[in-house]
Amino acid sequence: MNKLFFILAILFSLNSSILATAQAPDKILYDNKEFNLFTNPLEDFYNNKNERPKFFIEPNIVSSGNWRGYMAYWEISEESLYLKSIDS
C-alpha cells in the first residue's frame, strides 16, 4: 500500500510540473544591457494594501504566461533603482 501511494505521489507531482507555464519576467536595464528580472518588486507594493490596477492584455483577458498581468521595466542608474514603465 505504501509503495502504491509513493508511486501515485510521484506521478501527480510530475503531472503538475508539466502543466506549469513559465511566467514573463520583468526587465531591468543595467550598464546599457537588458536582463530578465526573476522577481516582482511591484508585488510587495500591491500587497501592502495599495490599490492594484486591473492589468489585462485585452479587455478581460489574462495570459497564463503572465498571471500578474503586467511586465515592469526597471533601470539601475547612478546606484539607484528606477521604475521606467509598466506594460500590460
PDB file of N, CA and C in Angstrom:
ATOM      1  N   MET A   1       0.821  -1.203   0.000  1.00  0.00           N
ATOM      2  CA  MET A   1       0.000   0.000   0.000  1.00  0.00           C
ATOM      3  C   MET A   1       0.865   1.267   0.000  1.00  0.00           C
ATOM      4  N   ASN A   2       1.935   1.269   0.819  1.00  0.00           N
ATOM      5  CA  ASN A   2       2.821   2.433   0.853  1.00  0.00           C
ATOM      6  C   ASN A   2       3.522   2.642  -0.486  1.00  0.00           C
ATOM      7  N   LYS A   3       3.864   1.537  -1.141  1.00  0.00           N
ATOM      8  CA  LYS A   3       4.522   1.612  -2.435  1.00  0.00           C
ATOM      9  C   LYS A   3       3.595   2.243  -3.478  1.00  0.00           C
ATOM     10  N   LEU A   4       2.325   1.869  -3.478  1.00  0.00           N
ATOM     11  CA  LEU A   4       1.344   2.429  -4.398  1.00  0.00           C
ATOM     12  C   LEU A   4       1.152   3.920  -4.138  1.00  0.00           C
ATOM     13  N   PHE A   5       1.063   4.296  -2.881  1.00  0.00           N
ATOM     14  CA  PHE A   5       0.915   5.702  -2.521  1.00  0.00           C
ATOM     15  C   PHE A   5       2.118   6.508  -3.009  1.00  0.00           C
ATOM     16  N   PHE A   6       3.316   5.970  -2.832  1.00  0.00           N
ATOM     17  CA  PHE A   6       4.540   6.632  -3.259  1.00  0.00           C
ATOM     18  C   PHE A   6       4.552   6.823  -4.774  1.00  0.00           C
ATOM     19  N   ILE A   7       4.183   5.805  -5.521  1.00  0.00           N
ATOM     20  CA  ILE A   7       4.157   5.888  -6.987  1.00  0.00           C
ATOM     21  C   ILE A   7       3.124   6.911  -7.447  1.00  0.00           C
ATOM     22  N   LEU A   8       1.950   6.899  -6.836  1.00  0.00           N
ATOM     23  CA  LEU A   8       0.922   7.883  -7.204  1.00  0.00           C
ATOM     24  C   LEU A   8       1.360   9.301  -6.879  1.00  0.00           C
ATOM     25  N   ALA A   9       2.022   9.494  -5.752  1.00  0.00           N
ATOM     26  CA  ALA A   9       2.508  10.827  -5.380  1.00  0.00           C
ATOM     27  C   ALA A   9       3.515  11.337  -6.402  1.00  0.00           C
ATOM     28  N   ILE A  10       4.394  10.474  -6.868  1.00  0.00           N
ATOM     29  CA  ILE A  10       5.375  10.874  -7.884  1.00  0.00           C
ATOM     30  C   ILE A  10       4.675  11.223  -9.196  1.00  0.00           C
ATOM     31  N   LEU A  11       3.722  10.407  -9.611  1.00  0.00           N
ATOM     32  CA  LEU A  11       3.011  10.677 -10.868  1.00  0.00           C
ATOM     33  C   LEU A  11       2.245  11.992 -10.809  1.00  0.00           C
ATOM     34  N   PHE A  12       1.576  12.271  -9.697  1.00  0.00           N
ATOM     35  CA  PHE A  12       0.836  13.521  -9.586  1.00  0.00           C
ATOM     36  C   PHE A  12       1.766  14.729  -9.547  1.00  0.00           C
ATOM     37  N   SER A  13       2.910  14.601  -8.910  1.00  0.00           N
ATOM     38  CA  SER A  13       3.838  15.729  -8.875  1.00  0.00           C
ATOM     39  C   SER A  13       4.432  15.989 -10.253  1.00  0.00           C
ATOM     40  N   LEU A  14       4.696  14.960 -11.030  1.00  0.00           N
ATOM     41  CA  LEU A  14       5.200  15.142 -12.393  1.00  0.00           C
ATOM     42  C   LEU A  14       4.158  15.797 -13.279  1.00  0.00           C
ATOM     43  N   ASN A  15       2.919  15.386 -13.129  1.00  0.00           N
ATOM     44  CA  ASN A  15       1.843  15.932 -13.940  1.00  0.00           C
ATOM     45  C   ASN A  15       1.676  17.428 -13.705  1.00  0.00           C
ATOM     46  N   SER A  16       1.732  17.887 -12.472  1.00  0.00           N
ATOM     47  CA  SER A  16       1.525  19.313 -12.199  1.00  0.00           C
ATOM     48  C   SER A  16       2.664  20.159 -12.752  1.00  0.00           C
ATOM     49  N   SER A  17       3.895  19.646 -12.761  1.00  0.00           N
ATOM     50  CA  SER A  17       5.001  20.428 -13.294  1.00  0.00           C
ATOM     51  C   SER A  17       4.949  20.504 -14.816  1.00  0.00           C
ATOM     52  N   ILE A  18       4.379  19.518 -15.450  1.00  0.00           N
ATOM     53  CA  ILE A  18       4.264  19.524 -16.906  1.00  0.00           C
ATOM     54  C   ILE A  18       3.306  20.622 -17.357  1.00  0.00           C
ATOM     55  N   LEU A  19       2.278  20.888 -16.585  1.00  0.00           N
ATOM     56  CA  LEU A  19       1.269  21.871 -16.957  1.00  0.00           C
ATOM     57  C   LEU A  19       1.638  23.298 -16.562  1.00  0.00           C
ATOM     58  N   ALA A  20       2.747  23.483 -15.885  1.00  0.00           N
ATOM     59  CA  ALA A  20       3.136  24.820 -15.430  1.00  0.00           C
ATOM     60  C   ALA A  20       3.594  25.666 -16.610  1.00  0.00           C
ATOM     61  N   THR A  21       3.223  26.937 -16.590  1.00  0.00           N
ATOM     62  CA  THR A  21       3.639  27.877 -17.615  1.00  0.00           C
ATOM     63  C   THR A  21       4.652  28.833 -17.014  1.00  0.00           C
ATOM     64  N   ALA A  22       5.784  28.990 -17.666  1.00  0.00           N
ATOM     65  CA  ALA A  22       6.782  29.955 -17.192  1.00  0.00           C
ATOM     66  C   ALA A  22       6.182  31.350 -17.262  1.00  0.00           C
ATOM     67  N   GLN A  23       6.438  32.143 -16.255  1.00  0.00           N
ATOM     68  CA  GLN A  23       5.885  33.490 -16.195  1.00  0.00           C
ATOM     69  C   GLN A  23       6.823  34.483 -16.872  1.00  0.00           C
ATOM     70  N   ALA A  24       6.240  35.464 -17.545  1.00  0.00           N
ATOM     71  CA  ALA A  24       7.028  36.506 -18.214  1.00  0.00           C
ATOM     72  C   ALA A  24       7.746  37.337 -17.152  1.00  0.00           C
ATOM     73  N   PRO A  25       9.051  37.490 -17.277  1.00  0.00           N
ATOM     74  CA  PRO A  25       9.794  38.232 -16.263  1.00  0.00           C
ATOM     75  C   PRO A  25       9.738  39.740 -16.495  1.00  0.00           C
ATOM     76  N   ASP A  26       9.942  40.493 -15.422  1.00  0.00           N
ATOM     77  CA  ASP A  26      10.193  41.920 -15.570  1.00  0.00           C
ATOM     78  C   ASP A  26      11.550  42.065 -16.244  1.00  0.00           C
ATOM     79  N   LYS A  27      11.838  43.247 -16.740  1.00  0.00           N
ATOM     80  CA  LYS A  27      13.119  43.522 -17.400  1.00  0.00           C
ATOM     81  C   LYS A  27      13.853  44.604 -16.611  1.00  0.00           C
ATOM     82  N   ILE A  28      15.173  44.503 -16.609  1.00  0.00           N
ATOM     83  CA  ILE A  28      15.982  45.513 -15.929  1.00  0.00           C
ATOM     84  C   ILE A  28      17.144  45.906 -16.828  1.00  0.00           C
ATOM     85  N   LEU A  29      17.383  47.201 -16.917  1.00  0.00           N
ATOM     86  CA  LEU A  29      18.472  47.734 -17.726  1.00  0.00           C
ATOM     87  C   LEU A  29      19.606  48.125 -16.791  1.00  0.00           C
ATOM     88  N   TYR A  30      20.766  47.547 -17.045  1.00  0.00           N
ATOM     89  CA  TYR A  30      21.937  47.865 -16.237  1.00  0.00           C
ATOM     90  C   TYR A  30      23.153  47.917 -17.154  1.00  0.00           C
ATOM     91  N   ASP A  31      23.881  49.012 -17.067  1.00  0.00           N
ATOM     92  CA  ASP A  31      25.079  49.185 -17.877  1.00  0.00           C
ATOM     93  C   ASP A  31      24.766  49.019 -19.372  1.00  0.00           C
ATOM     94  N   ASN A  32      23.639  49.598 -19.791  1.00  0.00           N
ATOM     95  CA  ASN A  32      23.160  49.556 -21.177  1.00  0.00           C
ATOM     96  C   ASN A  32      22.885  48.146 -21.691  1.00  0.00           C
ATOM     97  N   LYS A  33      22.640  47.194 -20.793  1.00  0.00           N
ATOM     98  CA  LYS A  33      22.280  45.836 -21.174  1.00  0.00           C
ATOM     99  C   LYS A  33      20.973  45.476 -20.478  1.00  0.00           C
ATOM    100  N   GLU A  34      20.086  44.816 -21.218  1.00  0.00           N
ATOM    101  CA  GLU A  34      18.802  44.410 -20.649  1.00  0.00           C
ATOM    102  C   GLU A  34      18.888  42.969 -20.137  1.00  0.00           C
ATOM    103  N   PHE A  35      18.361  42.763 -18.924  1.00  0.00           N
ATOM    104  CA  PHE A  35      18.361  41.449 -18.299  1.00  0.00           C
ATOM    105  C   PHE A  35      16.943  41.098 -17.857  1.00  0.00           C
ATOM    106  N   ASN A  36      16.657  39.806 -17.773  1.00  0.00           N
ATOM    107  CA  ASN A  36      15.404  39.349 -17.185  1.00  0.00           C
ATOM    108  C   ASN A  36      15.521  39.444 -15.671  1.00  0.00           C
ATOM    109  N   LEU A  37      14.463  39.914 -15.038  1.00  0.00           N
ATOM    110  CA  LEU A  37      14.431  40.058 -13.590  1.00  0.00           C
ATOM    111  C   LEU A  37      13.419  39.049 -13.060  1.00  0.00           C
ATOM    112  N   PHE A  38      13.891  37.997 -12.435  1.00  0.00           N
ATOM    113  CA  PHE A  38      13.001  36.929 -11.994  1.00  0.00           C
ATOM    114  C   PHE A  38      12.513  37.148 -10.568  1.00  0.00           C
ATOM    115  N   THR A  39      12.100  38.345 -10.305  1.00  0.00           N
ATOM    116  CA  THR A  39      11.428  38.721  -9.071  1.00  0.00           C
ATOM    117  C   THR A  39      10.457  39.824  -9.464  1.00  0.00           C
ATOM    118  N   ASN A  40       9.499  40.076  -8.645  1.00  0.00           N
ATOM    119  CA  ASN A  40       8.475  41.063  -8.987  1.00  0.00           C
ATOM    120  C   ASN A  40       8.361  42.108  -7.884  1.00  0.00           C
ATOM    121  N   PRO A  41       9.212  43.127  -7.904  1.00  0.00           N
ATOM    122  CA  PRO A  41       9.222  44.126  -6.835  1.00  0.00           C
ATOM    123  C   PRO A  41       7.889  44.853  -6.640  1.00  0.00           C
ATOM    124  N   LEU A  42       7.113  45.018  -7.696  1.00  0.00           N
ATOM    125  CA  LEU A  42       5.831  45.721  -7.539  1.00  0.00           C
ATOM    126  C   LEU A  42       4.813  44.917  -6.739  1.00  0.00           C
ATOM    127  N   GLU A  43       4.976  43.605  -6.680  1.00  0.00           N
ATOM    128  CA  GLU A  43       4.023  42.784  -5.924  1.00  0.00           C
ATOM    129  C   GLU A  43       4.027  43.143  -4.447  1.00  0.00           C
ATOM    130  N   ASP A  44       5.188  43.459  -3.884  1.00  0.00           N
ATOM    131  CA  ASP A  44       5.242  43.909  -2.483  1.00  0.00           C
ATOM    132  C   ASP A  44       4.473  45.206  -2.305  1.00  0.00           C
ATOM    133  N   PHE A  45       4.593  46.101  -3.271  1.00  0.00           N
ATOM    134  CA  PHE A  45       3.865  47.366  -3.225  1.00  0.00           C
ATOM    135  C   PHE A  45       2.358  47.119  -3.223  1.00  0.00           C
ATOM    136  N   TYR A  46       1.890  46.238  -4.115  1.00  0.00           N
ATOM    137  CA  TYR A  46       0.457  45.950  -4.192  1.00  0.00           C
ATOM    138  C   TYR A  46      -0.027  45.146  -2.990  1.00  0.00           C
ATOM    139  N   ASN A  47       0.817  44.302  -2.426  1.00  0.00           N
ATOM    140  CA  ASN A  47       0.415  43.511  -1.265  1.00  0.00           C
ATOM    141  C   ASN A  47       0.326  44.336   0.007  1.00  0.00           C
ATOM    142  N   ASN A  48       0.893  45.532   0.024  1.00  0.00           N
ATOM    143  CA  ASN A  48       0.831  46.407   1.192  1.00  0.00           C
ATOM    144  C   ASN A  48      -0.400  47.307   1.147  1.00  0.00           C
ATOM    145  N   LYS A  49      -1.512  46.745   0.693  1.00  0.00           N
ATOM    146  CA  LYS A  49      -2.818  47.395   0.673  1.00  0.00           C
ATOM    147  C   LYS A  49      -2.907  48.598  -0.259  1.00  0.00           C
ATOM    148  N   ASN A  50      -2.005  48.685  -1.230  1.00  0.00           N
ATOM    149  CA  ASN A  50      -2.144  49.695  -2.270  1.00  0.00           C
ATOM    150  C   ASN A  50      -3.076  49.127  -3.329  1.00  0.00           C
ATOM    151  N   GLU A  51      -3.894  49.984  -3.908  1.00  0.00           N
ATOM    152  CA  GLU A  51      -4.860  49.501  -4.887  1.00  0.00           C
ATOM    153  C   GLU A  51      -4.147  48.972  -6.122  1.00  0.00           C
ATOM    154  N   ARG A  52      -4.479  47.751  -6.478  1.00  0.00           N
ATOM    155  CA  ARG A  52      -3.863  47.102  -7.633  1.00  0.00           C
ATOM    156  C   ARG A  52      -4.699  47.383  -8.880  1.00  0.00           C
ATOM    157  N   PRO A  53      -4.097  47.971  -9.920  1.00  0.00           N
ATOM    158  CA  PRO A  53      -4.840  48.168 -11.169  1.00  0.00           C
ATOM    159  C   PRO A  53      -5.193  46.823 -11.787  1.00  0.00           C
ATOM    160  N   LYS A  54      -6.203  46.792 -12.596  1.00  0.00           N
ATOM    161  CA  LYS A  54      -6.574  45.577 -13.323  1.00  0.00           C
ATOM    162  C   LYS A  54      -5.825  45.591 -14.643  1.00  0.00           C
ATOM    163  N   PHE A  55      -4.781  44.774 -14.711  1.00  0.00           N
ATOM    164  CA  PHE A  55      -3.970  44.682 -15.918  1.00  0.00           C
ATOM    165  C   PHE A  55      -4.514  43.565 -16.796  1.00  0.00           C
ATOM    166  N   PHE A  56      -4.837  43.882 -18.041  1.00  0.00           N
ATOM    167  CA  PHE A  56      -5.322  42.889 -18.990  1.00  0.00           C
ATOM    168  C   PHE A  56      -4.593  43.063 -20.317  1.00  0.00           C
ATOM    169  N   ILE A  57      -4.382  41.947 -21.037  1.00  0.00           N
ATOM    170  CA  ILE A  57      -3.816  42.013 -22.384  1.00  0.00           C
ATOM    171  C   ILE A  57      -4.804  42.734 -23.290  1.00  0.00           C
ATOM    172  N   GLU A  58      -6.029  42.298 -23.243  1.00  0.00           N
ATOM    173  CA  GLU A  58      -7.156  42.929 -23.915  1.00  0.00           C
ATOM    174  C   GLU A  58      -8.264  42.955 -22.873  1.00  0.00           C
ATOM    175  N   PRO A  59      -9.349  43.640 -23.109  1.00  0.00           N
ATOM    176  CA  PRO A  59     -10.394  43.676 -22.081  1.00  0.00           C
ATOM    177  C   PRO A  59     -10.764  42.280 -21.585  1.00  0.00           C
ATOM    178  N   ASN A  60     -10.595  42.079 -20.289  1.00  0.00           N
ATOM    179  CA  ASN A  60     -10.975  40.849 -19.577  1.00  0.00           C
ATOM    180  C   ASN A  60     -10.257  39.589 -20.039  1.00  0.00           C
ATOM    181  N   ILE A  61      -9.040  39.716 -20.589  1.00  0.00           N
ATOM    182  CA  ILE A  61      -8.244  38.556 -20.984  1.00  0.00           C
ATOM    183  C   ILE A  61      -6.964  38.540 -20.163  1.00  0.00           C
ATOM    184  N   VAL A  62      -6.681  37.403 -19.552  1.00  0.00           N
ATOM    185  CA  VAL A  62      -5.470  37.220 -18.761  1.00  0.00           C
ATOM    186  C   VAL A  62      -4.640  36.134 -19.425  1.00  0.00           C
ATOM    187  N   SER A  63      -3.323  36.309 -19.447  1.00  0.00           N
ATOM    188  CA  SER A  63      -2.429  35.314 -20.040  1.00  0.00           C
ATOM    189  C   SER A  63      -1.946  34.343 -18.975  1.00  0.00           C
ATOM    190  N   SER A  64      -1.931  33.047 -19.282  1.00  0.00           N
ATOM    191  CA  SER A  64      -1.405  32.072 -18.329  1.00  0.00           C
ATOM    192  C   SER A  64       0.109  32.227 -18.194  1.00  0.00           C
ATOM    193  N   GLY A  65       0.745  32.928 -19.117  1.00  0.00           N
ATOM    194  CA  GLY A  65       2.176  33.189 -19.037  1.00  0.00           C
ATOM    195  C   GLY A  65       2.501  34.451 -18.263  1.00  0.00           C
ATOM    196  N   ASN A  66       1.458  35.132 -17.770  1.00  0.00           N
ATOM    197  CA  ASN A  66       1.676  36.364 -17.011  1.00  0.00           C
ATOM    198  C   ASN A  66       0.462  36.624 -16.113  1.00  0.00           C
ATOM    199  N   TRP A  67       0.346  35.857 -15.041  1.00  0.00           N
ATOM    200  CA  TRP A  67      -0.821  35.970 -14.163  1.00  0.00           C
ATOM    201  C   TRP A  67      -0.942  37.331 -13.505  1.00  0.00           C
ATOM    202  N   ARG A  68       0.171  38.013 -13.285  1.00  0.00           N
ATOM    203  CA  ARG A  68       0.075  39.324 -12.630  1.00  0.00           C
ATOM    204  C   ARG A  68      -0.434  40.383 -13.598  1.00  0.00           C
ATOM    205  N   GLY A  69      -0.369  40.100 -14.915  1.00  0.00           N
ATOM    206  CA  GLY A  69      -0.988  40.972 -15.906  1.00  0.00           C
ATOM    207  C   GLY A  69      -0.116  42.099 -16.413  1.00  0.00           C
ATOM    208  N   TYR A  70       1.121  42.182 -15.997  1.00  0.00           N
ATOM    209  CA  TYR A  70       1.981  43.272 -16.443  1.00  0.00           C
ATOM    210  C   TYR A  70       3.433  42.811 -16.493  1.00  0.00           C
ATOM    211  N   MET A  71       4.239  43.599 -17.181  1.00  0.00           N
ATOM    212  CA  MET A  71       5.696  43.480 -17.130  1.00  0.00           C
ATOM    213  C   MET A  71       6.214  44.866 -16.769  1.00  0.00           C
ATOM    214  N   ALA A  72       7.068  44.916 -15.765  1.00  0.00           N
ATOM    215  CA  ALA A  72       7.654  46.187 -15.352  1.00  0.00           C
ATOM    216  C   ALA A  72       9.056  46.292 -15.942  1.00  0.00           C
ATOM    217  N   TYR A  73       9.416  47.495 -16.309  1.00  0.00           N
ATOM    218  CA  TYR A  73      10.738  47.774 -16.864  1.00  0.00           C
ATOM    219  C   TYR A  73      11.481  48.683 -15.899  1.00  0.00           C
ATOM    220  N   TRP A  74      12.629  48.207 -15.426  1.00  0.00           N
ATOM    221  CA  TRP A  74      13.417  48.875 -14.405  1.00  0.00           C
ATOM    222  C   TRP A  74      14.761  49.298 -14.983  1.00  0.00           C
ATOM    223  N   GLU A  75      15.400  50.243 -14.301  1.00  0.00           N
ATOM    224  CA  GLU A  75      16.744  50.651 -14.694  1.00  0.00           C
ATOM    225  C   GLU A  75      17.550  50.962 -13.440  1.00  0.00           C
ATOM    226  N   ILE A  76      18.794  50.511 -13.442  1.00  0.00           N
ATOM    227  CA  ILE A  76      19.731  50.900 -12.392  1.00  0.00           C
ATOM    228  C   ILE A  76      20.628  51.967 -12.996  1.00  0.00           C
ATOM    229  N   SER A  77      20.618  53.130 -12.370  1.00  0.00           N
ATOM    230  CA  SER A  77      21.419  54.244 -12.850  1.00  0.00           C
ATOM    231  C   SER A  77      21.939  55.010 -11.637  1.00  0.00           C
ATOM    232  N   GLU A  78      23.209  55.309 -11.643  1.00  0.00           N
ATOM    233  CA  GLU A  78      23.847  56.054 -10.551  1.00  0.00           C
ATOM    234  C   GLU A  78      23.501  55.454  -9.186  1.00  0.00           C
ATOM    235  N   GLU A  79      23.588  54.128  -9.105  1.00  0.00           N
ATOM    236  CA  GLU A  79      23.372  53.368  -7.869  1.00  0.00           C
ATOM    237  C   GLU A  79      21.948  53.481  -7.311  1.00  0.00           C
ATOM    238  N   SER A  80      20.987  53.791  -8.177  1.00  0.00           N
ATOM    239  CA  SER A  80      19.583  53.852  -7.773  1.00  0.00           C
ATOM    240  C   SER A  80      18.751  53.000  -8.719  1.00  0.00           C
ATOM    241  N   LEU A  81      17.641  52.469  -8.208  1.00  0.00           N
ATOM    242  CA  LEU A  81      16.715  51.666  -9.000  1.00  0.00           C
ATOM    243  C   LEU A  81      15.520  52.520  -9.382  1.00  0.00           C
ATOM    244  N   TYR A  82      15.202  52.545 -10.669  1.00  0.00           N
ATOM    245  CA  TYR A  82      14.086  53.332 -11.169  1.00  0.00           C
ATOM    246  C   TYR A  82      13.093  52.442 -11.903  1.00  0.00           C
ATOM    247  N   LEU A  83      11.815  52.679 -11.673  1.00  0.00           N
ATOM    248  CA  LEU A  83      10.757  52.051 -12.458  1.00  0.00           C
ATOM    249  C   LEU A  83      10.541  52.921 -13.674  1.00  0.00           C
ATOM    250  N   LYS A  84      10.840  52.374 -14.855  1.00  0.00           N
ATOM    251  CA  LYS A  84      10.752  53.167 -16.088  1.00  0.00           C
ATOM    252  C   LYS A  84       9.347  53.104 -16.707  1.00  0.00           C
ATOM    253  N   SER A  85       8.732  51.897 -16.705  1.00  0.00           N
ATOM    254  CA  SER A  85       7.403  51.777 -17.285  1.00  0.00           C
ATOM    255  C   SER A  85       6.769  50.466 -16.860  1.00  0.00           C
ATOM    256  N   ILE A  86       5.452  50.399 -17.060  1.00  0.00           N
ATOM    257  CA  ILE A  86       4.693  49.170 -16.813  1.00  0.00           C
ATOM    258  C   ILE A  86       3.886  48.921 -18.078  1.00  0.00           C
ATOM    259  N   ASP A  87       3.998  47.715 -18.600  1.00  0.00           N
ATOM    260  CA  ASP A  87       3.296  47.336 -19.822  1.00  0.00           C
ATOM    261  C   ASP A  87       2.321  46.214 -19.506  1.00  0.00           C
ATOM    262  N   SER A  88       1.038  46.436 -19.781  1.00  0.00           N
ATOM    263  CA  SER A  88       0.060  45.383 -19.525  1.00  0.00           C
ATOM    264  C   SER A  88      -0.274  44.642 -20.795  1.00  0.00           C
TER     265      SER A  88
END
